N, C-alpha and C. Protein backbone atom coordinates (compact mmCIF):
# COMPACT_ATOMS: atom_id res chain seq x y z
N MET A 1 20.22 -2.31 -25.45
CA MET A 1 18.96 -2.70 -24.91
C MET A 1 18.88 -1.61 -23.78
N GLU A 2 17.79 -0.95 -23.55
CA GLU A 2 17.41 0.02 -22.57
C GLU A 2 16.53 -0.71 -21.38
N TYR A 3 17.04 -0.44 -20.18
CA TYR A 3 16.58 -1.18 -19.19
C TYR A 3 15.64 -0.21 -18.37
N TYR A 4 14.74 -0.47 -17.91
CA TYR A 4 13.98 0.44 -17.08
C TYR A 4 12.86 -0.26 -15.98
N SER A 5 12.45 0.46 -15.06
CA SER A 5 11.57 -0.30 -14.32
C SER A 5 10.08 0.52 -14.16
N ARG A 6 9.18 -0.08 -14.40
CA ARG A 6 7.94 0.56 -14.25
C ARG A 6 7.61 1.04 -12.82
N VAL A 7 6.80 1.98 -12.48
CA VAL A 7 6.46 2.07 -11.22
C VAL A 7 4.83 2.56 -11.21
N SER A 8 4.32 2.36 -10.29
CA SER A 8 2.86 2.61 -10.05
C SER A 8 2.38 4.29 -10.12
N ASP A 9 1.39 4.43 -10.46
CA ASP A 9 0.90 5.89 -10.46
C ASP A 9 0.53 6.39 -9.09
N ARG A 10 0.39 5.45 -8.21
CA ARG A 10 0.09 5.54 -6.87
C ARG A 10 1.13 6.08 -6.00
N ASP A 11 1.29 7.13 -5.24
CA ASP A 11 2.23 7.65 -4.30
C ASP A 11 2.48 6.76 -3.04
N TRP A 12 3.54 6.63 -2.60
CA TRP A 12 3.79 5.77 -1.26
C TRP A 12 3.59 6.60 0.01
N LEU A 13 3.87 7.89 -0.16
CA LEU A 13 3.61 8.67 1.24
C LEU A 13 1.87 8.81 1.41
N ILE A 14 1.13 8.88 0.46
CA ILE A 14 -0.27 8.79 0.67
C ILE A 14 -0.61 7.38 0.86
N ALA A 15 -0.05 6.24 0.52
CA ALA A 15 -0.32 4.93 0.85
C ALA A 15 0.11 4.89 2.54
N PHE A 16 1.19 5.40 2.91
CA PHE A 16 1.66 5.35 4.23
C PHE A 16 0.62 5.94 5.08
N LEU A 17 0.26 7.21 4.79
CA LEU A 17 -0.75 7.93 5.55
C LEU A 17 -2.08 7.16 5.78
N LEU A 18 -2.59 6.65 4.61
CA LEU A 18 -3.88 6.14 4.81
C LEU A 18 -3.72 4.73 5.59
N CYS A 19 -2.57 4.02 5.49
CA CYS A 19 -2.36 2.75 6.45
C CYS A 19 -2.30 3.32 7.72
N PHE A 20 -1.34 4.28 8.09
CA PHE A 20 -1.30 4.65 9.49
C PHE A 20 -2.52 5.01 10.14
N PHE A 21 -3.39 5.77 9.44
CA PHE A 21 -4.67 6.36 10.02
C PHE A 21 -5.86 5.40 9.61
N GLY A 22 -5.84 4.85 8.71
CA GLY A 22 -6.89 3.94 8.29
C GLY A 22 -6.80 2.40 7.88
N GLY A 23 -5.54 2.08 8.35
CA GLY A 23 -5.29 0.76 8.18
C GLY A 23 -6.24 -0.46 8.54
N PHE A 24 -6.78 0.01 9.77
CA PHE A 24 -7.47 -1.15 10.07
C PHE A 24 -8.94 -1.43 9.41
N ILE A 25 -9.32 -0.35 8.39
CA ILE A 25 -10.29 -0.52 7.50
C ILE A 25 -9.73 -0.69 6.28
N GLY A 26 -8.63 -0.78 5.76
CA GLY A 26 -7.83 -1.16 4.65
C GLY A 26 -7.90 -0.13 3.53
N LEU A 27 -8.01 1.18 4.28
CA LEU A 27 -7.96 2.28 3.28
C LEU A 27 -6.65 2.29 2.18
N HIS A 28 -5.41 1.99 2.64
CA HIS A 28 -4.56 1.88 1.80
C HIS A 28 -4.35 0.93 0.76
N ARG A 29 -5.14 -0.26 1.13
CA ARG A 29 -5.45 -1.46 0.17
C ARG A 29 -6.38 -0.98 -1.05
N PHE A 30 -7.37 -0.24 -0.60
CA PHE A 30 -8.38 0.25 -1.52
C PHE A 30 -7.59 1.32 -2.56
N TYR A 31 -6.87 2.08 -1.99
CA TYR A 31 -6.10 3.06 -2.67
C TYR A 31 -5.12 2.51 -3.72
N CYS A 32 -4.58 1.52 -3.39
CA CYS A 32 -3.71 0.64 -4.46
C CYS A 32 -4.22 -0.23 -5.26
N GLY A 33 -5.81 -0.39 -5.21
CA GLY A 33 -6.41 -1.11 -6.20
C GLY A 33 -6.68 -2.63 -5.77
N LYS A 34 -6.09 -2.98 -4.40
CA LYS A 34 -6.49 -4.03 -3.99
C LYS A 34 -7.79 -4.30 -3.17
N ILE A 35 -8.60 -4.35 -3.81
CA ILE A 35 -10.33 -4.29 -3.38
C ILE A 35 -10.56 -5.59 -2.67
N VAL A 36 -10.11 -6.73 -2.88
CA VAL A 36 -10.50 -7.95 -2.10
C VAL A 36 -9.89 -7.92 -0.83
N SER A 37 -8.50 -7.58 -0.74
CA SER A 37 -7.84 -7.73 0.32
C SER A 37 -8.15 -6.62 1.35
N GLY A 38 -8.77 -5.47 0.72
CA GLY A 38 -9.37 -4.37 1.36
C GLY A 38 -10.46 -4.78 2.31
N VAL A 39 -11.47 -5.45 1.65
CA VAL A 39 -12.68 -6.06 2.30
C VAL A 39 -11.98 -6.98 3.62
N VAL A 40 -11.23 -7.82 3.17
CA VAL A 40 -10.75 -8.55 4.42
C VAL A 40 -9.99 -7.89 5.41
N TYR A 41 -9.68 -6.99 5.08
CA TYR A 41 -8.91 -5.74 6.21
C TYR A 41 -10.29 -5.32 6.92
N ILE A 42 -11.37 -4.97 6.46
CA ILE A 42 -12.37 -4.49 6.92
C ILE A 42 -12.98 -5.48 7.87
N LEU A 43 -13.20 -6.72 7.44
CA LEU A 43 -13.80 -7.92 8.21
C LEU A 43 -12.82 -8.41 9.16
N THR A 44 -11.54 -8.27 9.21
CA THR A 44 -10.52 -8.82 10.10
C THR A 44 -9.84 -7.66 10.98
N PHE A 45 -10.65 -6.23 10.62
CA PHE A 45 -9.81 -5.10 11.39
C PHE A 45 -8.20 -5.28 11.28
N GLY A 46 -8.12 -5.19 9.86
CA GLY A 46 -6.48 -5.07 9.49
C GLY A 46 -5.62 -6.18 9.81
N GLY A 47 -6.38 -7.50 9.54
CA GLY A 47 -5.42 -8.88 10.05
C GLY A 47 -5.26 -8.73 11.62
N VAL A 48 -6.14 -8.17 12.40
CA VAL A 48 -5.90 -8.16 13.90
C VAL A 48 -4.40 -7.43 14.02
N GLY A 49 -4.52 -6.21 13.28
CA GLY A 49 -3.31 -5.34 13.50
C GLY A 49 -2.03 -5.88 12.90
N ILE A 50 -1.99 -7.02 12.68
CA ILE A 50 -0.66 -7.62 12.18
C ILE A 50 -0.41 -7.26 10.66
N GLY A 51 -1.42 -7.33 9.87
CA GLY A 51 -1.41 -7.03 8.65
C GLY A 51 -1.02 -5.52 8.26
N VAL A 52 -1.54 -4.71 9.30
CA VAL A 52 -1.43 -3.20 9.19
C VAL A 52 0.08 -2.96 9.35
N LEU A 53 0.67 -3.61 10.63
CA LEU A 53 2.02 -3.46 10.89
C LEU A 53 2.77 -3.95 9.75
N VAL A 54 2.69 -4.98 9.07
CA VAL A 54 3.33 -5.66 8.09
C VAL A 54 3.49 -4.66 6.97
N ASP A 55 2.20 -4.34 6.57
CA ASP A 55 2.12 -3.26 5.37
C ASP A 55 2.73 -1.87 5.57
N LEU A 56 2.64 -1.44 6.99
CA LEU A 56 3.51 -0.26 7.24
C LEU A 56 4.86 -0.32 6.95
N ILE A 57 5.49 -1.34 7.37
CA ILE A 57 6.85 -1.61 7.15
C ILE A 57 7.33 -1.72 5.69
N LEU A 58 6.43 -2.55 5.07
CA LEU A 58 6.49 -2.60 3.55
C LEU A 58 6.49 -1.25 2.86
N ILE A 59 5.75 -0.44 3.13
CA ILE A 59 5.31 0.90 2.80
C ILE A 59 6.60 1.67 2.74
N LEU A 60 7.10 1.72 4.29
CA LEU A 60 8.21 2.42 4.59
C LEU A 60 9.61 2.19 3.91
N CYS A 61 9.67 0.79 3.55
CA CYS A 61 10.87 0.07 2.90
C CYS A 61 10.60 0.42 1.56
N LYS A 62 9.62 0.65 1.06
CA LYS A 62 9.18 1.16 -0.48
C LYS A 62 9.09 -0.19 -1.28
N LYS A 63 8.80 -1.34 -0.63
CA LYS A 63 8.53 -2.77 -1.05
C LYS A 63 6.98 -2.99 -1.34
N PHE A 64 6.08 -2.10 -1.05
CA PHE A 64 4.82 -2.49 -1.19
C PHE A 64 4.19 -2.18 -2.57
N ARG A 65 3.54 -3.15 -3.12
CA ARG A 65 3.07 -3.17 -4.62
C ARG A 65 1.40 -2.79 -4.82
N ASP A 66 1.24 -2.44 -5.91
CA ASP A 66 -0.20 -2.17 -6.07
C ASP A 66 -0.75 -3.21 -6.83
N ASN A 67 -2.00 -3.26 -7.34
CA ASN A 67 -2.76 -4.56 -7.86
C ASN A 67 -2.17 -4.92 -9.08
N GLU A 68 -1.23 -4.05 -9.70
CA GLU A 68 -0.68 -4.56 -10.80
C GLU A 68 0.74 -5.10 -10.77
N GLY A 69 1.16 -5.12 -9.52
CA GLY A 69 2.26 -5.56 -9.00
C GLY A 69 3.62 -4.64 -9.19
N LEU A 70 3.10 -3.37 -9.53
CA LEU A 70 4.17 -2.24 -9.42
C LEU A 70 4.40 -1.58 -8.18
N TYR A 71 5.71 -1.38 -7.90
CA TYR A 71 6.26 -0.72 -6.87
C TYR A 71 5.58 0.94 -6.78
N LEU A 72 5.19 1.47 -5.82
CA LEU A 72 4.42 2.65 -5.52
C LEU A 72 5.54 3.76 -5.84
N LYS A 73 5.21 4.87 -6.60
CA LYS A 73 6.10 5.76 -6.78
C LYS A 73 6.47 6.73 -5.79
N LYS A 74 7.61 7.09 -5.98
CA LYS A 74 8.33 8.13 -4.87
C LYS A 74 7.44 9.30 -4.48
N CYS A 75 7.63 9.88 -3.49
CA CYS A 75 6.74 10.76 -2.69
C CYS A 75 7.05 12.11 -3.82
N PHE A 76 5.87 12.74 -3.77
CA PHE A 76 5.75 14.02 -4.67
C PHE A 76 6.61 15.22 -3.94
N LEU A 77 6.90 14.86 -2.70
CA LEU A 77 7.95 15.88 -2.00
C LEU A 77 9.40 15.67 -2.31
N GLU A 78 9.67 14.61 -3.04
CA GLU A 78 11.17 14.32 -3.31
C GLU A 78 11.76 14.82 -4.50
């Protein structure tokens, strides 16, 4: 039996940059297909900054998932 893990089509470096520069308005969440939480980030300014910080850490540790529950793919530079 062959084991493999599926990964998202979305790149983790792009998600990181969007989170770093536009996390307070949820740009990285919209990019990953998480529309509802993106709107929540707009209304709460990124969960008052705490949500953005948590997301930055998750993205850097490569544990952030898209709307389908898949991990973001490796950087196109790797």
